[in-house]
């Protein structure tokens, strides 16, 4: 009888252990996607003028997966037309199976770029 719940517990463990990047568009207008490999990851506000395109929330990456996390953020932010992502907060959280990375930030587009009419 107790074994009936085992598949559900295994599925829950896999789902909760997955890394996730969520980008929510907050700006008006639309931009063409940028090349993800050109999206910069910043820890401080740049001196250049920029427009905020959306919020970025990252969860579930292993402590040693900083580069993998940054590349996932680049992919999601590029879809909005971002030139960079400013990571405003980062940390580690215990999830039951070990430490996991989390981060929040803002996807931005430098002011020299103009919006597309769509």
C-alpha atoms as a PDB file:
ATOM      1  CA  UNK A   1       0.000   0.000   0.000  1.00  0.00           C
ATOM      2  CA  UNK A   2       2.812   2.431   0.837  1.00  0.00           C
ATOM      3  CA  UNK A   3       4.558   1.697  -2.483  1.00  0.00           C
ATOM      4  CA  UNK A   4       1.693   3.384  -4.382  1.00  0.00           C
ATOM      5  CA  UNK A   5       3.086   6.783  -3.382  1.00  0.00           C
ATOM      6  CA  UNK A   6       6.698   6.003  -4.303  1.00  0.00           C
ATOM      7  CA  UNK A   7       6.421   7.032  -8.002  1.00  0.00           C
ATOM      8  CA  UNK A   8       4.830  10.336  -6.990  1.00  0.00           C
ATOM      9  CA  UNK A   9       7.627  11.021  -4.496  1.00  0.00           C
ATOM     10  CA  UNK A  10      10.300  10.214  -7.092  1.00  0.00           C
ATOM     11  CA  UNK A  11       8.624  12.538  -9.620  1.00  0.00           C
ATOM     12  CA  UNK A  12       8.404  15.299  -7.005  1.00  0.00           C
ATOM     13  CA  UNK A  13      12.102  14.910  -6.203  1.00  0.00           C
ATOM     14  CA  UNK A  14      13.046  15.297  -9.878  1.00  0.00           C
ATOM     15  CA  UNK A  15      10.765  18.293 -10.364  1.00  0.00           C
ATOM     16  CA  UNK A  16      12.027  20.124  -7.294  1.00  0.00           C
ATOM     17  CA  UNK A  17      15.659  19.477  -8.261  1.00  0.00           C
ATOM     18  CA  UNK A  18      15.341  21.063 -11.722  1.00  0.00           C
ATOM     19  CA  UNK A  19      17.061  24.317 -12.537  1.00  0.00           C
ATOM     20  CA  UNK A  20      14.779  27.070 -13.771  1.00  0.00           C
ATOM     21  CA  UNK A  21      15.160  30.540 -15.280  1.00  0.00           C
ATOM     22  CA  UNK A  22      12.091  32.756 -15.463  1.00  0.00           C
ATOM     23  CA  UNK A  23      12.142  36.050 -17.375  1.00  0.00           C
ATOM     24  CA  UNK A  24       9.050  38.253 -17.158  1.00  0.00           C
ATOM     25  CA  UNK A  25       8.676  41.078 -19.674  1.00  0.00           C
ATOM     26  CA  UNK A  26       7.905  44.380 -17.938  1.00  0.00           C
ATOM     27  CA  UNK A  27       8.605  46.938 -20.678  1.00  0.00           C
ATOM     28  CA  UNK A  28       6.450  48.356 -23.445  1.00  0.00           C
ATOM     29  CA  UNK A  29       7.186  47.520 -27.067  1.00  0.00           C
ATOM     30  CA  UNK A  30       9.103  44.674 -28.595  1.00  0.00           C
ATOM     31  CA  UNK A  31      12.668  44.150 -29.742  1.00  0.00           C
ATOM     32  CA  UNK A  32      14.101  41.568 -32.083  1.00  0.00           C
ATOM     33  CA  UNK A  33      15.905  38.782 -30.218  1.00  0.00           C
ATOM     34  CA  UNK A  34      19.617  39.245 -29.684  1.00  0.00           C
ATOM     35  CA  UNK A  35      22.375  36.647 -29.916  1.00  0.00           C
ATOM     36  CA  UNK A  36      22.536  34.889 -26.538  1.00  0.00           C
ATOM     37  CA  UNK A  37      26.332  34.685 -26.657  1.00  0.00           C
ATOM     38  CA  UNK A  38      26.460  38.508 -26.861  1.00  0.00           C
ATOM     39  CA  UNK A  39      24.325  39.068 -23.721  1.00  0.00           C
ATOM     40  CA  UNK A  40      26.513  40.336 -20.883  1.00  0.00           C
ATOM     41  CA  UNK A  41      26.096  39.197 -17.276  1.00  0.00           C
ATOM     42  CA  UNK A  42      26.681  42.192 -14.993  1.00  0.00           C
ATOM     43  CA  UNK A  43      26.890  42.502 -11.205  1.00  0.00           C
ATOM     44  CA  UNK A  44      26.650  46.312 -11.130  1.00  0.00           C
ATOM     45  CA  UNK A  45      24.667  48.946 -13.026  1.00  0.00           C
ATOM     46  CA  UNK A  46      26.430  50.009 -16.210  1.00  0.00           C
ATOM     47  CA  UNK A  47      27.396  53.651 -16.818  1.00  0.00           C
ATOM     48  CA  UNK A  48      25.548  53.570 -20.155  1.00  0.00           C
ATOM     49  CA  UNK A  49      21.866  54.472 -20.489  1.00  0.00           C
ATOM     50  CA  UNK A  50      19.584  51.450 -20.738  1.00  0.00           C
ATOM     51  CA  UNK A  51      15.967  50.351 -20.705  1.00  0.00           C
ATOM     52  CA  UNK A  52      14.754  47.645 -18.357  1.00  0.00           C
ATOM     53  CA  UNK A  53      13.036  44.908 -20.343  1.00  0.00           C
ATOM     54  CA  UNK A  54      12.051  42.433 -17.653  1.00  0.00           C
ATOM     55  CA  UNK A  55      12.784  40.672 -14.398  1.00  0.00           C
ATOM     56  CA  UNK A  56      14.952  37.565 -14.125  1.00  0.00           C
ATOM     57  CA  UNK A  57      14.558  34.856 -11.483  1.00  0.00           C
ATOM     58  CA  UNK A  58      16.887  31.856 -11.332  1.00  0.00           C
ATOM     59  CA  UNK A  59      16.551  28.797  -9.085  1.00  0.00           C
ATOM     60  CA  UNK A  60      17.878  25.274  -8.730  1.00  0.00           C
ATOM     61  CA  UNK A  61      21.390  25.290 -10.199  1.00  0.00           C
ATOM     62  CA  UNK A  62      24.142  23.405  -8.382  1.00  0.00           C
ATOM     63  CA  UNK A  63      26.836  25.530  -6.663  1.00  0.00           C
ATOM     64  CA  UNK A  64      29.431  24.604  -9.303  1.00  0.00           C
ATOM     65  CA  UNK A  65      27.078  25.495 -12.200  1.00  0.00           C
ATOM     66  CA  UNK A  66      27.635  29.270 -12.305  1.00  0.00           C
ATOM     67  CA  UNK A  67      28.568  29.234 -16.006  1.00  0.00           C
ATOM     68  CA  UNK A  68      25.621  26.987 -16.856  1.00  0.00           C
ATOM     69  CA  UNK A  69      23.309  29.333 -14.924  1.00  0.00           C
ATOM     70  CA  UNK A  70      24.687  32.412 -16.714  1.00  0.00           C
ATOM     71  CA  UNK A  71      24.255  30.764 -20.124  1.00  0.00           C
ATOM     72  CA  UNK A  72      20.641  29.844 -19.299  1.00  0.00           C
ATOM     73  CA  UNK A  73      19.984  33.458 -18.253  1.00  0.00           C
ATOM     74  CA  UNK A  74      21.550  34.692 -21.507  1.00  0.00           C
ATOM     75  CA  UNK A  75      19.267  32.435 -23.584  1.00  0.00           C
ATOM     76  CA  UNK A  76      16.088  33.631 -21.867  1.00  0.00           C
ATOM     77  CA  UNK A  77      17.055  37.318 -21.866  1.00  0.00           C
ATOM     78  CA  UNK A  78      18.101  37.235 -25.539  1.00  0.00           C
ATOM     79  CA  UNK A  79      14.531  36.327 -26.486  1.00  0.00           C
ATOM     80  CA  UNK A  80      13.439  39.733 -25.113  1.00  0.00           C
ATOM     81  CA  UNK A  81      16.125  41.551 -27.103  1.00  0.00           C
ATOM     82  CA  UNK A  82      18.379  42.143 -24.091  1.00  0.00           C
ATOM     83  CA  UNK A  83      22.002  43.224 -24.388  1.00  0.00           C
ATOM     84  CA  UNK A  84      22.757  42.411 -20.736  1.00  0.00           C
ATOM     85  CA  UNK A  85      21.367  41.106 -17.457  1.00  0.00           C
ATOM     86  CA  UNK A  86      22.180  42.822 -14.175  1.00  0.00           C
ATOM     87  CA  UNK A  87      22.169  40.199 -11.405  1.00  0.00           C
ATOM     88  CA  UNK A  88      21.112  42.202  -8.354  1.00  0.00           C
ATOM     89  CA  UNK A  89      21.047  39.384  -5.800  1.00  0.00           C
ATOM     90  CA  UNK A  90      22.527  35.890  -5.645  1.00  0.00           C
ATOM     91  CA  UNK A  91      22.854  33.205  -3.060  1.00  0.00           C
ATOM     92  CA  UNK A  92      22.640  29.555  -2.066  1.00  0.00           C
ATOM     93  CA  UNK A  93      19.776  27.747  -0.417  1.00  0.00           C
ATOM     94  CA  UNK A  94      19.570  24.296   1.153  1.00  0.00           C
ATOM     95  CA  UNK A  95      16.970  22.235  -0.723  1.00  0.00           C
ATOM     96  CA  UNK A  96      17.129  18.896   1.109  1.00  0.00           C
ATOM     97  CA  UNK A  97      19.579  17.278  -1.340  1.00  0.00           C
ATOM     98  CA  UNK A  98      22.276  19.909  -1.071  1.00  0.00           C
ATOM     99  CA  UNK A  99      22.876  23.544  -1.875  1.00  0.00           C
ATOM    100  CA  UNK A 100      21.264  25.191  -4.904  1.00  0.00           C
ATOM    101  CA  UNK A 101      21.995  28.571  -6.504  1.00  0.00           C
ATOM    102  CA  UNK A 102      19.396  31.311  -6.807  1.00  0.00           C
ATOM    103  CA  UNK A 103      19.591  34.776  -8.353  1.00  0.00           C
ATOM    104  CA  UNK A 104      17.377  37.707  -9.271  1.00  0.00           C
ATOM    105  CA  UNK A 105      18.036  40.509 -11.687  1.00  0.00           C
ATOM    106  CA  UNK A 106      16.937  42.678 -14.573  1.00  0.00           C
ATOM    107  CA  UNK A 107      17.229  42.117 -18.331  1.00  0.00           C
ATOM    108  CA  UNK A 108      18.280  45.371 -20.034  1.00  0.00           C
ATOM    109  CA  UNK A 109      18.798  46.837 -23.492  1.00  0.00           C
ATOM    110  CA  UNK A 110      21.287  49.636 -24.025  1.00  0.00           C
ATOM    111  CA  UNK A 111      19.717  52.918 -25.153  1.00  0.00           C
ATOM    112  CA  UNK A 112      21.535  53.031 -28.524  1.00  0.00           C
ATOM    113  CA  UNK A 113      19.159  50.306 -29.751  1.00  0.00           C
ATOM    114  CA  UNK A 114      15.695  51.280 -31.008  1.00  0.00           C
ATOM    115  CA  UNK A 115      12.453  49.270 -30.761  1.00  0.00           C
ATOM    116  CA  UNK A 116      10.948  47.508 -33.763  1.00  0.00           C
ATOM    117  CA  UNK A 117       7.450  48.471 -34.893  1.00  0.00           C
ATOM    118  CA  UNK A 118       5.324  45.331 -34.503  1.00  0.00           C
END
